Amino acid sequence: MKSEARSPQMYLDQLPEARKEPMRLLRHCILENLPSGFEETMSYGMIGYVVPHSRYPPGYHCDPKLPLPFLNIASQKNYIAFYHSGLYANPEIKNWFVQAYNSQVSIKLDMGKSCVRFKKPEHIPYKLLGELCRKISVSDWILLYEKQIRR
């Protein structure tokens, strides 16, 4: 569900009551753990964390006017989504995450290429997602992006 919110706080304020607290906690987890240099913004109708143009002037290869995306969170119709581009671009990080998730969480992992879906907010492993956020710095993401994605 794409939001027309113009700020992360507006996005959270517009959520149904049952989603407000889990999304607030998820946002807090990201802000506490994401390495410095990423910028919080609204991106594709979701709360996004990007590499700003001031740090990476070429921007996103699909639309250079946009900053380089890295992570997004969204309250979708049937789940809360956590989109982490590093899971898509770095097999080592993906393998680490899948293994850590399976050893720490009793609920089966529901994951696409870069999207982890949580159908029940009480199943969100905030600590594990925080650890995932710490694994890639802005510099690491730019290098990985240029090597794996931007061709």
C-alpha atoms as a PDB file:
ATOM      1  CA  MET A   1       0.000   0.000   0.000  1.00  0.00           C
ATOM      2  CA  LYS A   2       1.739   3.117  -1.221  1.00  0.00           C
ATOM      3  CA  SER A   3       1.456   6.065   1.114  1.00  0.00           C
ATOM      4  CA  GLU A   4       1.302   9.715   0.108  1.00  0.00           C
ATOM      5  CA  ALA A   5       2.904  10.755   3.420  1.00  0.00           C
ATOM      6  CA  ARG A   6       5.611  13.377   3.053  1.00  0.00           C
ATOM      7  CA  SER A   7       7.610  12.399   6.148  1.00  0.00           C
ATOM      8  CA  PRO A   8       8.322   9.251   8.134  1.00  0.00           C
ATOM      9  CA  GLN A   9       6.392  10.612  11.116  1.00  0.00           C
ATOM     10  CA  MET A  10       3.383  11.392   8.908  1.00  0.00           C
ATOM     11  CA  TYR A  11       3.610   7.847   7.535  1.00  0.00           C
ATOM     12  CA  LEU A  12       3.512   6.397  11.048  1.00  0.00           C
ATOM     13  CA  ASP A  13       0.678   8.694  12.117  1.00  0.00           C
ATOM     14  CA  GLN A  14      -1.480   7.474   9.228  1.00  0.00           C
ATOM     15  CA  LEU A  15      -1.116   3.773  10.046  1.00  0.00           C
ATOM     16  CA  PRO A  16      -3.901   1.692  11.591  1.00  0.00           C
ATOM     17  CA  GLU A  17      -3.551   1.508  15.378  1.00  0.00           C
ATOM     18  CA  ALA A  18      -2.406  -2.128  15.340  1.00  0.00           C
ATOM     19  CA  ARG A  19       0.566  -1.233  13.107  1.00  0.00           C
ATOM     20  CA  LYS A  20       1.718   2.015  14.730  1.00  0.00           C
ATOM     21  CA  GLU A  21       3.751   0.573  17.588  1.00  0.00           C
ATOM     22  CA  PRO A  22       5.495  -2.223  15.640  1.00  0.00           C
ATOM     23  CA  MET A  23       6.410   0.208  12.855  1.00  0.00           C
ATOM     24  CA  ARG A  24       7.589   2.794  15.399  1.00  0.00           C
ATOM     25  CA  LEU A  25       9.764   0.130  17.047  1.00  0.00           C
ATOM     26  CA  LEU A  26      11.120  -1.005  13.678  1.00  0.00           C
ATOM     27  CA  ARG A  27      11.991   2.550  12.701  1.00  0.00           C
ATOM     28  CA  HIS A  28      13.669   3.113  16.070  1.00  0.00           C
ATOM     29  CA  CYS A  29      15.650  -0.126  15.661  1.00  0.00           C
ATOM     30  CA  ILE A  30      16.905   1.013  12.254  1.00  0.00           C
ATOM     31  CA  LEU A  31      17.785   4.525  13.399  1.00  0.00           C
ATOM     32  CA  GLU A  32      19.694   3.141  16.393  1.00  0.00           C
ATOM     33  CA  ASN A  33      21.695   0.633  14.352  1.00  0.00           C
ATOM     34  CA  LEU A  34      22.161   1.964  10.831  1.00  0.00           C
ATOM     35  CA  PRO A  35      25.711   3.270  10.307  1.00  0.00           C
ATOM     36  CA  SER A  36      26.083   7.022   9.941  1.00  0.00           C
ATOM     37  CA  GLY A  37      25.806   8.507   6.476  1.00  0.00           C
ATOM     38  CA  PHE A  38      22.481   6.986   5.483  1.00  0.00           C
ATOM     39  CA  GLU A  39      19.572   9.413   5.386  1.00  0.00           C
ATOM     40  CA  GLU A  40      15.981   8.729   6.384  1.00  0.00           C
ATOM     41  CA  THR A  41      13.412   9.846   3.831  1.00  0.00           C
ATOM     42  CA  MET A  42      10.196   8.863   2.145  1.00  0.00           C
ATOM     43  CA  SER A  43      10.975   6.597  -0.778  1.00  0.00           C
ATOM     44  CA  TYR A  44       8.482   4.854  -3.064  1.00  0.00           C
ATOM     45  CA  GLY A  45       5.687   5.588  -0.585  1.00  0.00           C
ATOM     46  CA  MET A  46       7.600   3.881   2.236  1.00  0.00           C
ATOM     47  CA  ILE A  47      10.009   4.970   4.937  1.00  0.00           C
ATOM     48  CA  GLY A  48      13.389   4.719   3.273  1.00  0.00           C
ATOM     49  CA  TYR A  49      17.053   4.895   4.166  1.00  0.00           C
ATOM     50  CA  VAL A  50      19.240   6.079   1.325  1.00  0.00           C
ATOM     51  CA  VAL A  51      22.715   7.273   0.429  1.00  0.00           C
ATOM     52  CA  PRO A  52      22.143  10.973  -0.289  1.00  0.00           C
ATOM     53  CA  HIS A  53      23.379  12.617  -3.479  1.00  0.00           C
ATOM     54  CA  SER A  54      25.871  14.597  -1.386  1.00  0.00           C
ATOM     55  CA  ARG A  55      27.612  11.287  -0.661  1.00  0.00           C
ATOM     56  CA  TYR A  56      26.899   9.497  -3.954  1.00  0.00           C
ATOM     57  CA  PRO A  57      26.178  12.045  -6.728  1.00  0.00           C
ATOM     58  CA  PRO A  58      25.334   9.505  -9.481  1.00  0.00           C
ATOM     59  CA  GLY A  59      22.219   8.465  -7.550  1.00  0.00           C
ATOM     60  CA  TYR A  60      20.128   5.410  -8.333  1.00  0.00           C
ATOM     61  CA  HIS A  61      20.837   3.900 -11.780  1.00  0.00           C
ATOM     62  CA  CYS A  62      17.105   3.408 -12.499  1.00  0.00           C
ATOM     63  CA  ASP A  63      16.486   7.121 -11.913  1.00  0.00           C
ATOM     64  CA  PRO A  64      19.617   9.218 -11.197  1.00  0.00           C
ATOM     65  CA  LYS A  65      17.427  12.007  -9.743  1.00  0.00           C
ATOM     66  CA  LEU A  66      16.761   9.674  -6.808  1.00  0.00           C
ATOM     67  CA  PRO A  67      19.321   8.989  -4.075  1.00  0.00           C
ATOM     68  CA  LEU A  68      20.785   5.495  -3.854  1.00  0.00           C
ATOM     69  CA  PRO A  69      18.274   3.341  -1.926  1.00  0.00           C
ATOM     70  CA  PHE A  70      19.411   0.904   0.742  1.00  0.00           C
ATOM     71  CA  LEU A  71      16.603  -0.043   3.097  1.00  0.00           C
ATOM     72  CA  ASN A  72      12.834   0.494   3.275  1.00  0.00           C
ATOM     73  CA  ILE A  73      10.090  -0.417   5.695  1.00  0.00           C
ATOM     74  CA  ALA A  74       6.405  -0.477   4.943  1.00  0.00           C
ATOM     75  CA  SER A  75       3.092  -1.500   6.386  1.00  0.00           C
ATOM     76  CA  GLN A  76       1.524  -3.524   3.598  1.00  0.00           C
ATOM     77  CA  LYS A  77      -2.022  -4.882   3.565  1.00  0.00           C
ATOM     78  CA  ASN A  78      -1.189  -8.299   5.039  1.00  0.00           C
ATOM     79  CA  TYR A  79       2.268  -7.840   6.530  1.00  0.00           C
ATOM     80  CA  ILE A  80       5.022  -5.487   7.630  1.00  0.00           C
ATOM     81  CA  ALA A  81       7.835  -5.416   5.084  1.00  0.00           C
ATOM     82  CA  PHE A  82      11.533  -4.901   5.711  1.00  0.00           C
ATOM     83  CA  TYR A  83      13.398  -4.367   2.418  1.00  0.00           C
ATOM     84  CA  HIS A  84      17.200  -4.588   2.751  1.00  0.00           C
ATOM     85  CA  SER A  85      19.183  -4.252  -0.474  1.00  0.00           C
ATOM     86  CA  GLY A  86      22.239  -5.866   1.081  1.00  0.00           C
ATOM     87  CA  LEU A  87      20.348  -9.161   1.308  1.00  0.00           C
ATOM     88  CA  TYR A  88      19.914  -9.041  -2.457  1.00  0.00           C
ATOM     89  CA  ALA A  89      23.402  -7.861  -3.354  1.00  0.00           C
ATOM     90  CA  ASN A  90      25.582  -9.778  -0.905  1.00  0.00           C
ATOM     91  CA  PRO A  91      25.182 -13.575  -0.689  1.00  0.00           C
ATOM     92  CA  GLU A  92      27.330 -13.748   2.459  1.00  0.00           C
ATOM     93  CA  ILE A  93      25.051 -11.359   4.314  1.00  0.00           C
ATOM     94  CA  LYS A  94      21.966 -13.147   3.026  1.00  0.00           C
ATOM     95  CA  ASN A  95      23.339 -16.516   4.152  1.00  0.00           C
ATOM     96  CA  TRP A  96      24.272 -15.084   7.561  1.00  0.00           C
ATOM     97  CA  PHE A  97      20.802 -13.585   7.969  1.00  0.00           C
ATOM     98  CA  VAL A  98      18.930 -16.749   6.967  1.00  0.00           C
ATOM     99  CA  GLN A  99      21.035 -18.853   9.331  1.00  0.00           C
ATOM    100  CA  ALA A 100      20.719 -16.374  12.207  1.00  0.00           C
ATOM    101  CA  TYR A 101      16.991 -16.001  11.659  1.00  0.00           C
ATOM    102  CA  ASN A 102      16.422 -19.755  11.584  1.00  0.00           C
ATOM    103  CA  SER A 103      18.425 -20.248  14.793  1.00  0.00           C
ATOM    104  CA  GLN A 104      16.820 -17.335  16.685  1.00  0.00           C
ATOM    105  CA  VAL A 105      13.213 -17.191  15.483  1.00  0.00           C
ATOM    106  CA  SER A 106      10.683 -20.007  15.757  1.00  0.00           C
ATOM    107  CA  ILE A 107       8.505 -18.695  12.900  1.00  0.00           C
ATOM    108  CA  LYS A 108       9.395 -19.740   9.331  1.00  0.00           C
ATOM    109  CA  LEU A 109      11.258 -17.045   7.393  1.00  0.00           C
ATOM    110  CA  ASP A 110       9.068 -15.372   4.747  1.00  0.00           C
ATOM    111  CA  MET A 111      11.562 -13.741   2.411  1.00  0.00           C
ATOM    112  CA  GLY A 112      11.889 -12.611  -1.188  1.00  0.00           C
ATOM    113  CA  LYS A 113      15.069 -11.329  -2.840  1.00  0.00           C
ATOM    114  CA  SER A 114      15.430  -8.361  -0.512  1.00  0.00           C
ATOM    115  CA  CYS A 115      12.117  -8.340   1.358  1.00  0.00           C
ATOM    116  CA  VAL A 116      11.450  -9.950   4.708  1.00  0.00           C
ATOM    117  CA  ARG A 117       7.733 -10.132   5.493  1.00  0.00           C
ATOM    118  CA  PHE A 118       6.226 -10.263   8.970  1.00  0.00           C
ATOM    119  CA  LYS A 119       2.556 -11.254   8.988  1.00  0.00           C
ATOM    120  CA  LYS A 120       2.329 -10.860  12.762  1.00  0.00           C
ATOM    121  CA  PRO A 121       4.054  -7.836  14.308  1.00  0.00           C
ATOM    122  CA  GLU A 122       4.911  -9.812  17.445  1.00  0.00           C
ATOM    123  CA  HIS A 123       7.222 -11.977  15.317  1.00  0.00           C
ATOM    124  CA  ILE A 124       9.512  -9.124  14.256  1.00  0.00           C
ATOM    125  CA  PRO A 125      13.047  -9.918  15.529  1.00  0.00           C
ATOM    126  CA  TYR A 126      14.121  -6.320  16.214  1.00  0.00           C
ATOM    127  CA  LYS A 127      17.498  -7.257  17.692  1.00  0.00           C
ATOM    128  CA  LEU A 128      18.398  -9.410  14.673  1.00  0.00           C
ATOM    129  CA  LEU A 129      17.271  -6.705  12.227  1.00  0.00           C
ATOM    130  CA  GLY A 130      19.379  -4.188  14.153  1.00  0.00           C
ATOM    131  CA  GLU A 131      22.380  -6.474  13.797  1.00  0.00           C
ATOM    132  CA  LEU A 132      21.678  -6.737  10.055  1.00  0.00           C
ATOM    133  CA  CYS A 133      21.532  -2.939   9.792  1.00  0.00           C
ATOM    134  CA  ARG A 134      25.024  -2.641  11.312  1.00  0.00           C
ATOM    135  CA  LYS A 135      26.623  -4.995   8.780  1.00  0.00           C
ATOM    136  CA  ILE A 136      26.958  -2.581   5.839  1.00  0.00           C
ATOM    137  CA  SER A 137      28.358   0.946   6.014  1.00  0.00           C
ATOM    138  CA  VAL A 138      27.595   3.641   3.450  1.00  0.00           C
ATOM    139  CA  SER A 139      31.026   3.115   1.849  1.00  0.00           C
ATOM    140  CA  ASP A 140      30.520  -0.647   1.771  1.00  0.00           C
ATOM    141  CA  TRP A 141      27.083  -0.216   0.185  1.00  0.00           C
ATOM    142  CA  ILE A 142      28.382   2.117  -2.522  1.00  0.00           C
ATOM    143  CA  LEU A 143      31.196  -0.324  -3.415  1.00  0.00           C
ATOM    144  CA  LEU A 144      28.839  -3.299  -3.412  1.00  0.00           C
ATOM    145  CA  TYR A 145      26.242  -1.429  -5.442  1.00  0.00           C
ATOM    146  CA  GLU A 146      28.785  -0.439  -8.073  1.00  0.00           C
ATOM    147  CA  LYS A 147      30.222  -3.946  -8.244  1.00  0.00           C
ATOM    148  CA  GLN A 148      27.029  -6.026  -8.177  1.00  0.00           C
ATOM    149  CA  ILE A 149      24.147  -3.880  -9.375  1.00  0.00           C
ATOM    150  CA  ARG A 150      25.191  -0.818 -11.321  1.00  0.00           C
ATOM    151  CA  ARG A 151      26.693  -2.083 -14.548  1.00  0.00           C
END
